Structure formats: C-alpha cells, structure tokens
Amino acid sequence: MSGKRILLKIAVAPVVLILLVLKVIVKIGMSISSVVLGALILFAGGCIIYTIVKQVWSQTLILALIEATLIAASALIGVLESLVDMALMAIMSL
C-alpha cells in the first residue's frame, strides 16, 4: 500500500464511523417505525373505507392524503437505509 492510500483511509475513518452509527440508528428506527406506521396505515385505510361507505368525500380526501404521507414516510426510511449502505460500500472500496 502506498502512503497516500493509508492517509486516505485514516482521513475517511471518521466518516465511516459516522455512517455506521447512522446505519444503526436508521435500522432501529425502521424496525420501530414499521410497527407504528403499519398500524397507522391500517387504521387510516379502515377510516377511508368507512368514509367511502358513508359517502363523506371531503374526509375521504383528507384521509387519503394522510395515508399517502404515511406510505411515503415508510418508503423514505427504506431509501435512507439504502443510501447509507451504498455510501458505506463506496467508502469501504477505497
């Protein structure tokens, strides 16, 4: 190994440590939030069905927006986890 490569690995070490901590936090957050978000998505879906049966269209629209926001939040957590993994893989391959 050349001296520049060793210096680069030493310089990147704090970034790797931060990314590993972020990965653990995201993984824990994802497992906790999946239970909470899953329950909220099911509840909002049930409320949407109820408002459709009762033909309360303004509330159905509001609930549909809430449902879409919950699903987007769940997908965003998955994307964040993938980005952290890709960044770690890219840095480790240096």
C-alpha atoms as a PDB file:
ATOM      1  CA  MET A   1       0.000   0.000   0.000  1.00  0.00           C
ATOM      2  CA  SER A   2       1.213   3.450  -0.773  1.00  0.00           C
ATOM      3  CA  GLY A   3       1.482   6.172   1.818  1.00  0.00           C
ATOM      4  CA  LYS A   4      -1.273   8.236   0.165  1.00  0.00           C
ATOM      5  CA  ARG A   5      -3.705   5.340   0.354  1.00  0.00           C
ATOM      6  CA  ILE A   6      -3.043   4.850   4.076  1.00  0.00           C
ATOM      7  CA  LEU A   7      -3.519   8.570   4.715  1.00  0.00           C
ATOM      8  CA  LEU A   8      -6.768   8.484   2.742  1.00  0.00           C
ATOM      9  CA  LYS A   9      -8.066   5.576   4.824  1.00  0.00           C
ATOM     10  CA  ILE A  10      -7.149   7.398   8.037  1.00  0.00           C
ATOM     11  CA  ALA A  11      -8.869  10.577   6.811  1.00  0.00           C
ATOM     12  CA  VAL A  12     -12.031   8.664   5.859  1.00  0.00           C
ATOM     13  CA  ALA A  13     -12.240   6.720   9.148  1.00  0.00           C
ATOM     14  CA  PRO A  14     -14.387   9.345  10.979  1.00  0.00           C
ATOM     15  CA  VAL A  15     -16.837   9.419   8.057  1.00  0.00           C
ATOM     16  CA  VAL A  16     -17.108   5.625   8.172  1.00  0.00           C
ATOM     17  CA  LEU A  17     -17.746   5.738  11.912  1.00  0.00           C
ATOM     18  CA  ILE A  18     -20.482   8.355  11.472  1.00  0.00           C
ATOM     19  CA  LEU A  19     -22.086   6.325   8.672  1.00  0.00           C
ATOM     20  CA  LEU A  20     -22.014   3.146  10.763  1.00  0.00           C
ATOM     21  CA  VAL A  21     -23.712   4.929  13.669  1.00  0.00           C
ATOM     22  CA  LEU A  22     -26.273   6.395  11.241  1.00  0.00           C
ATOM     23  CA  LYS A  23     -26.882   2.932   9.803  1.00  0.00           C
ATOM     24  CA  VAL A  24     -27.617   1.505  13.260  1.00  0.00           C
ATOM     25  CA  ILE A  25     -29.926   4.410  14.113  1.00  0.00           C
ATOM     26  CA  VAL A  26     -31.812   4.055  10.819  1.00  0.00           C
ATOM     27  CA  LYS A  27     -32.083   0.276  11.262  1.00  0.00           C
ATOM     28  CA  ILE A  28     -33.506   0.658  14.792  1.00  0.00           C
ATOM     29  CA  GLY A  29     -35.782   3.483  13.681  1.00  0.00           C
ATOM     30  CA  MET A  30     -37.007   1.436  10.757  1.00  0.00           C
ATOM     31  CA  SER A  31     -37.922  -1.544  12.892  1.00  0.00           C
ATOM     32  CA  ILE A  32     -39.700   0.596  15.480  1.00  0.00           C
ATOM     33  CA  SER A  33     -41.457   2.820  12.978  1.00  0.00           C
ATOM     34  CA  SER A  34     -42.563  -0.083  10.806  1.00  0.00           C
ATOM     35  CA  VAL A  35     -44.792  -1.299  13.638  1.00  0.00           C
ATOM     36  CA  VAL A  36     -46.169   2.173  14.351  1.00  0.00           C
ATOM     37  CA  LEU A  37     -46.542   3.198  10.702  1.00  0.00           C
ATOM     38  CA  GLY A  38     -48.087  -0.153   9.822  1.00  0.00           C
ATOM     39  CA  ALA A  39     -50.738   0.274  12.497  1.00  0.00           C
ATOM     40  CA  LEU A  40     -51.432   3.856  11.397  1.00  0.00           C
ATOM     41  CA  ILE A  41     -51.684   2.813   7.737  1.00  0.00           C
ATOM     42  CA  LEU A  42     -54.172   0.083   8.617  1.00  0.00           C
ATOM     43  CA  PHE A  43     -56.210   2.476  10.766  1.00  0.00           C
ATOM     44  CA  ALA A  44     -56.264   5.165   8.077  1.00  0.00           C
ATOM     45  CA  GLY A  45     -57.236   2.537   5.487  1.00  0.00           C
ATOM     46  CA  GLY A  46     -60.141   1.442   7.667  1.00  0.00           C
ATOM     47  CA  CYS A  47     -61.219   5.046   8.098  1.00  0.00           C
ATOM     48  CA  ILE A  48     -61.068   5.552   4.331  1.00  0.00           C
ATOM     49  CA  ILE A  49     -63.335   2.553   3.803  1.00  0.00           C
ATOM     50  CA  TYR A  50     -65.746   3.903   6.425  1.00  0.00           C
ATOM     51  CA  THR A  51     -65.866   7.368   4.855  1.00  0.00           C
ATOM     52  CA  ILE A  52     -66.435   5.841   1.398  1.00  0.00           C
ATOM     53  CA  VAL A  53     -69.358   3.801   2.737  1.00  0.00           C
ATOM     54  CA  LYS A  54     -70.785   6.901   4.451  1.00  0.00           C
ATOM     55  CA  GLN A  55     -70.033   8.990   1.319  1.00  0.00           C
ATOM     56  CA  VAL A  56     -68.186  11.741   3.184  1.00  0.00           C
ATOM     57  CA  TRP A  57     -65.895  12.687   0.312  1.00  0.00           C
ATOM     58  CA  SER A  58     -64.046  15.606   1.907  1.00  0.00           C
ATOM     59  CA  GLN A  59     -62.920  13.406   4.794  1.00  0.00           C
ATOM     60  CA  THR A  60     -62.024  10.636   2.360  1.00  0.00           C
ATOM     61  CA  LEU A  61     -59.688  13.022   0.527  1.00  0.00           C
ATOM     62  CA  ILE A  62     -58.052  14.122   3.780  1.00  0.00           C
ATOM     63  CA  LEU A  63     -57.605  10.525   4.910  1.00  0.00           C
ATOM     64  CA  ALA A  64     -56.199   9.544   1.510  1.00  0.00           C
ATOM     65  CA  LEU A  65     -53.604  12.323   1.840  1.00  0.00           C
ATOM     66  CA  ILE A  66     -52.719  11.117   5.338  1.00  0.00           C
ATOM     67  CA  GLU A  67     -52.402   7.549   4.015  1.00  0.00           C
ATOM     68  CA  ALA A  68     -50.147   8.699   1.162  1.00  0.00           C
ATOM     69  CA  THR A  69     -47.966  10.643   3.610  1.00  0.00           C
ATOM     70  CA  LEU A  70     -47.571   7.609   5.866  1.00  0.00           C
ATOM     71  CA  ILE A  71     -46.647   5.380   2.937  1.00  0.00           C
ATOM     72  CA  ALA A  72     -44.178   7.994   1.649  1.00  0.00           C
ATOM     73  CA  ALA A  73     -42.571   8.222   5.100  1.00  0.00           C
ATOM     74  CA  SER A  74     -42.176   4.456   5.189  1.00  0.00           C
ATOM     75  CA  ALA A  75     -40.617   4.422   1.712  1.00  0.00           C
ATOM     76  CA  LEU A  76     -38.328   7.323   2.612  1.00  0.00           C
ATOM     77  CA  ILE A  77     -36.928   5.383   5.554  1.00  0.00           C
ATOM     78  CA  GLY A  78     -36.134   2.483   3.231  1.00  0.00           C
ATOM     79  CA  VAL A  79     -34.445   4.793   0.726  1.00  0.00           C
ATOM     80  CA  LEU A  80     -32.387   6.396   3.507  1.00  0.00           C
ATOM     81  CA  GLU A  81     -31.200   2.987   4.655  1.00  0.00           C
ATOM     82  CA  SER A  82     -30.195   2.080   1.096  1.00  0.00           C
ATOM     83  CA  LEU A  83     -28.308   5.356   0.642  1.00  0.00           C
ATOM     84  CA  VAL A  84     -26.355   4.829   3.853  1.00  0.00           C
ATOM     85  CA  ASP A  85     -25.472   1.288   2.771  1.00  0.00           C
ATOM     86  CA  MET A  86     -24.338   2.481  -0.661  1.00  0.00           C
ATOM     87  CA  ALA A  87     -22.206   5.232   0.880  1.00  0.00           C
ATOM     88  CA  LEU A  88     -20.562   2.736   3.225  1.00  0.00           C
ATOM     89  CA  MET A  89     -19.846   0.337   0.369  1.00  0.00           C
ATOM     90  CA  ALA A  90     -18.353   3.135  -1.740  1.00  0.00           C
ATOM     91  CA  ILE A  91     -16.112   4.338   1.079  1.00  0.00           C
ATOM     92  CA  MET A  92     -15.026   0.814   2.057  1.00  0.00           C
ATOM     93  CA  SER A  93     -13.948   0.101  -1.526  1.00  0.00           C
ATOM     94  CA  LEU A  94     -11.387   2.931  -1.435  1.00  0.00           C
END
